[in-house]
Amino acid sequence: MGNMTKIVGRKYEIEILQESLKSSNSELIAVYGRRRVGKTFLIREIYANQIKFEVTGLYQGELSDQLANFTKELKKTLN
């Protein structure tokens, strides 16, 4: 989290994400909002050392396209 100084106005969100790292339980956190506001940047900064696989969904993609995209990205990661 060395770039934490770049994150402005997200104290509440940062606290929630950091608390999930301390939890011994499985956690599901939905991060949503309009485009281009830093959601992905925030997640990548907080979980930088924990992310092993990452995929972004296709904008307005059909389920079959989403699954194909997921499969393709997973194969790239595993190879």
N, C-alpha and C. Protein backbone atom coordinates (compact mmCIF):
# COMPACT_ATOMS: atom_id res chain seq x y z
N MET A 1 0.82 -1.19 0.00
CA MET A 1 0.00 0.00 0.00
C MET A 1 0.87 1.26 0.00
N GLY A 2 1.97 1.21 -0.71
CA GLY A 2 2.87 2.32 -0.76
C GLY A 2 2.31 3.55 -1.45
N ASN A 3 1.34 3.35 -2.34
CA ASN A 3 0.75 4.47 -3.06
C ASN A 3 -0.50 5.00 -2.38
N MET A 4 -0.70 4.65 -1.12
CA MET A 4 -1.93 5.03 -0.42
C MET A 4 -2.14 6.54 -0.44
N THR A 5 -1.07 7.33 -0.56
CA THR A 5 -1.23 8.78 -0.58
C THR A 5 -1.96 9.25 -1.82
N LYS A 6 -2.03 8.43 -2.86
CA LYS A 6 -2.74 8.79 -4.08
C LYS A 6 -4.25 8.64 -3.93
N ILE A 7 -4.69 7.91 -2.93
CA ILE A 7 -6.12 7.68 -2.73
C ILE A 7 -6.66 8.81 -1.85
N VAL A 8 -7.58 9.56 -2.41
CA VAL A 8 -8.14 10.71 -1.72
C VAL A 8 -9.63 10.50 -1.49
N GLY A 9 -10.11 10.77 -0.29
CA GLY A 9 -11.54 10.74 -0.02
C GLY A 9 -12.15 9.36 0.08
N ARG A 10 -11.36 8.37 0.40
CA ARG A 10 -11.86 6.99 0.46
C ARG A 10 -11.59 6.34 1.81
N LYS A 11 -11.52 7.13 2.87
CA LYS A 11 -11.16 6.61 4.18
C LYS A 11 -12.09 5.48 4.62
N TYR A 12 -13.40 5.66 4.48
CA TYR A 12 -14.37 4.64 4.88
C TYR A 12 -14.15 3.35 4.10
N GLU A 13 -14.00 3.47 2.79
CA GLU A 13 -13.81 2.30 1.94
C GLU A 13 -12.50 1.58 2.27
N ILE A 14 -11.45 2.35 2.50
CA ILE A 14 -10.16 1.76 2.84
C ILE A 14 -10.26 0.97 4.14
N GLU A 15 -10.95 1.54 5.12
CA GLU A 15 -11.12 0.84 6.41
C GLU A 15 -11.84 -0.49 6.24
N ILE A 16 -12.91 -0.50 5.44
CA ILE A 16 -13.66 -1.74 5.21
C ILE A 16 -12.77 -2.78 4.55
N LEU A 17 -12.05 -2.38 3.52
CA LEU A 17 -11.20 -3.32 2.79
C LEU A 17 -10.06 -3.84 3.67
N GLN A 18 -9.47 -2.98 4.45
CA GLN A 18 -8.38 -3.41 5.33
C GLN A 18 -8.90 -4.33 6.43
N GLU A 19 -10.08 -4.08 6.94
CA GLU A 19 -10.67 -4.96 7.96
C GLU A 19 -10.89 -6.36 7.40
N SER A 20 -11.26 -6.46 6.14
CA SER A 20 -11.49 -7.78 5.54
C SER A 20 -10.20 -8.60 5.51
N LEU A 21 -9.07 -7.93 5.41
CA LEU A 21 -7.78 -8.63 5.41
C LEU A 21 -7.49 -9.26 6.76
N LYS A 22 -8.01 -8.68 7.81
CA LYS A 22 -7.78 -9.18 9.17
C LYS A 22 -8.74 -10.30 9.55
N SER A 23 -9.81 -10.44 8.82
CA SER A 23 -10.84 -11.41 9.15
C SER A 23 -10.38 -12.84 8.87
N SER A 24 -10.79 -13.75 9.73
CA SER A 24 -10.49 -15.17 9.49
C SER A 24 -11.63 -15.84 8.71
N ASN A 25 -12.66 -15.08 8.41
CA ASN A 25 -13.81 -15.59 7.65
C ASN A 25 -13.67 -15.21 6.18
N SER A 26 -14.39 -15.94 5.33
CA SER A 26 -14.48 -15.54 3.93
C SER A 26 -15.26 -14.23 3.87
N GLU A 27 -14.88 -13.38 2.95
CA GLU A 27 -15.51 -12.07 2.83
C GLU A 27 -15.94 -11.85 1.38
N LEU A 28 -17.09 -11.25 1.21
CA LEU A 28 -17.54 -10.79 -0.11
C LEU A 28 -17.83 -9.31 0.03
N ILE A 29 -17.14 -8.53 -0.76
CA ILE A 29 -17.34 -7.08 -0.73
C ILE A 29 -17.66 -6.65 -2.15
N ALA A 30 -18.84 -6.09 -2.35
CA ALA A 30 -19.23 -5.57 -3.66
C ALA A 30 -18.78 -4.12 -3.75
N VAL A 31 -17.99 -3.82 -4.75
CA VAL A 31 -17.54 -2.45 -4.98
C VAL A 31 -18.21 -1.99 -6.26
N TYR A 32 -19.02 -0.97 -6.14
CA TYR A 32 -19.75 -0.51 -7.32
C TYR A 32 -19.77 1.01 -7.35
N GLY A 33 -20.07 1.53 -8.50
CA GLY A 33 -20.13 2.97 -8.69
C GLY A 33 -19.99 3.28 -10.16
N ARG A 34 -20.09 4.54 -10.46
CA ARG A 34 -19.99 4.92 -11.87
C ARG A 34 -18.57 4.69 -12.38
N ARG A 35 -18.43 4.72 -13.67
CA ARG A 35 -17.14 4.43 -14.31
C ARG A 35 -16.13 5.52 -14.02
N ARG A 36 -14.87 5.10 -13.99
CA ARG A 36 -13.73 6.02 -13.93
C ARG A 36 -13.61 6.81 -12.63
N VAL A 37 -14.00 6.19 -11.51
CA VAL A 37 -13.87 6.87 -10.22
C VAL A 37 -12.82 6.23 -9.31
N GLY A 38 -12.11 5.21 -9.80
CA GLY A 38 -11.01 4.64 -9.04
C GLY A 38 -11.30 3.37 -8.28
N LYS A 39 -12.37 2.66 -8.62
CA LYS A 39 -12.71 1.42 -7.91
C LYS A 39 -11.61 0.38 -8.07
N THR A 40 -11.19 0.13 -9.28
CA THR A 40 -10.17 -0.86 -9.54
C THR A 40 -8.84 -0.45 -8.91
N PHE A 41 -8.48 0.81 -9.02
CA PHE A 41 -7.26 1.31 -8.40
C PHE A 41 -7.27 1.06 -6.90
N LEU A 42 -8.40 1.36 -6.26
CA LEU A 42 -8.53 1.16 -4.82
C LEU A 42 -8.32 -0.30 -4.45
N ILE A 43 -8.98 -1.20 -5.14
CA ILE A 43 -8.86 -2.63 -4.87
C ILE A 43 -7.41 -3.09 -5.06
N ARG A 44 -6.81 -2.67 -6.16
CA ARG A 44 -5.43 -3.09 -6.44
C ARG A 44 -4.45 -2.57 -5.39
N GLU A 45 -4.67 -1.38 -4.89
CA GLU A 45 -3.79 -0.82 -3.87
C GLU A 45 -3.93 -1.56 -2.54
N ILE A 46 -5.14 -1.81 -2.12
CA ILE A 46 -5.38 -2.43 -0.81
C ILE A 46 -4.95 -3.90 -0.83
N TYR A 47 -5.28 -4.61 -1.90
CA TYR A 47 -5.03 -6.05 -1.97
C TYR A 47 -3.83 -6.42 -2.84
N ALA A 48 -2.91 -5.51 -3.04
CA ALA A 48 -1.79 -5.72 -3.97
C ALA A 48 -1.04 -7.02 -3.71
N ASN A 49 -0.81 -7.36 -2.47
CA ASN A 49 -0.04 -8.57 -2.15
C ASN A 49 -0.89 -9.83 -2.10
N GLN A 50 -2.21 -9.71 -2.18
CA GLN A 50 -3.09 -10.86 -2.09
C GLN A 50 -3.68 -11.29 -3.43
N ILE A 51 -3.66 -10.43 -4.42
CA ILE A 51 -4.29 -10.75 -5.70
C ILE A 51 -3.44 -11.78 -6.44
N LYS A 52 -4.04 -12.91 -6.75
CA LYS A 52 -3.37 -13.96 -7.51
C LYS A 52 -3.97 -14.10 -8.91
N PHE A 53 -5.22 -13.67 -9.05
CA PHE A 53 -5.92 -13.75 -10.33
C PHE A 53 -6.88 -12.59 -10.40
N GLU A 54 -6.93 -11.93 -11.54
CA GLU A 54 -7.81 -10.78 -11.71
C GLU A 54 -8.40 -10.82 -13.11
N VAL A 55 -9.68 -10.56 -13.19
CA VAL A 55 -10.34 -10.46 -14.49
C VAL A 55 -11.42 -9.39 -14.40
N THR A 56 -11.57 -8.64 -15.46
CA THR A 56 -12.60 -7.61 -15.53
C THR A 56 -13.66 -8.08 -16.51
N GLY A 57 -14.91 -7.92 -16.12
CA GLY A 57 -16.02 -8.33 -16.98
C GLY A 57 -16.11 -7.47 -18.22
N LEU A 58 -16.80 -7.97 -19.20
CA LEU A 58 -17.02 -7.26 -20.45
C LEU A 58 -18.23 -6.34 -20.31
N TYR A 59 -18.10 -5.12 -20.69
CA TYR A 59 -19.20 -4.16 -20.61
C TYR A 59 -20.36 -4.63 -21.49
N GLN A 60 -21.48 -4.85 -20.88
CA GLN A 60 -22.71 -5.31 -21.52
C GLN A 60 -22.52 -6.61 -22.30
N GLY A 61 -21.61 -7.45 -21.83
CA GLY A 61 -21.37 -8.73 -22.50
C GLY A 61 -22.40 -9.77 -22.11
N GLU A 62 -22.69 -10.65 -23.02
CA GLU A 62 -23.59 -11.76 -22.75
C GLU A 62 -22.91 -12.74 -21.80
N LEU A 63 -23.68 -13.55 -21.12
CA LEU A 63 -23.14 -14.52 -20.17
C LEU A 63 -22.10 -15.42 -20.83
N SER A 64 -22.40 -15.91 -22.03
CA SER A 64 -21.46 -16.81 -22.71
C SER A 64 -20.14 -16.09 -23.00
N ASP A 65 -20.20 -14.81 -23.36
CA ASP A 65 -18.98 -14.03 -23.62
C ASP A 65 -18.21 -13.79 -22.32
N GLN A 66 -18.94 -13.51 -21.24
CA GLN A 66 -18.29 -13.29 -19.94
C GLN A 66 -17.54 -14.55 -19.50
N LEU A 67 -18.21 -15.70 -19.65
CA LEU A 67 -17.58 -16.96 -19.26
C LEU A 67 -16.37 -17.29 -20.13
N ALA A 68 -16.48 -17.04 -21.43
CA ALA A 68 -15.35 -17.28 -22.33
C ALA A 68 -14.18 -16.37 -21.96
N ASN A 69 -14.46 -15.12 -21.66
CA ASN A 69 -13.42 -14.18 -21.26
C ASN A 69 -12.76 -14.63 -19.96
N PHE A 70 -13.56 -15.05 -18.98
CA PHE A 70 -13.05 -15.55 -17.70
C PHE A 70 -12.13 -16.75 -17.92
N THR A 71 -12.59 -17.69 -18.73
CA THR A 71 -11.83 -18.91 -19.01
C THR A 71 -10.50 -18.57 -19.68
N LYS A 72 -10.53 -17.68 -20.66
CA LYS A 72 -9.32 -17.27 -21.37
C LYS A 72 -8.30 -16.65 -20.41
N GLU A 73 -8.77 -15.75 -19.54
CA GLU A 73 -7.86 -15.09 -18.60
C GLU A 73 -7.32 -16.06 -17.55
N LEU A 74 -8.15 -17.00 -17.12
CA LEU A 74 -7.70 -17.99 -16.15
C LEU A 74 -6.62 -18.89 -16.76
N LYS A 75 -6.83 -19.30 -18.01
CA LYS A 75 -5.83 -20.13 -18.69
C LYS A 75 -4.51 -19.38 -18.82
N LYS A 76 -4.56 -18.08 -19.13
CA LYS A 76 -3.33 -17.30 -19.25
C LYS A 76 -2.60 -17.25 -17.91
N THR A 77 -3.34 -17.15 -16.84
CA THR A 77 -2.74 -17.08 -15.50
C THR A 77 -2.11 -18.39 -15.12
N LEU A 78 -2.75 -19.50 -15.46
CA LEU A 78 -2.27 -20.83 -15.06
C LEU A 78 -1.09 -21.31 -15.91
N ASN A 79 -0.93 -20.75 -17.10
CA ASN A 79 0.19 -21.19 -17.96
C ASN A 79 1.46 -20.50 -17.62
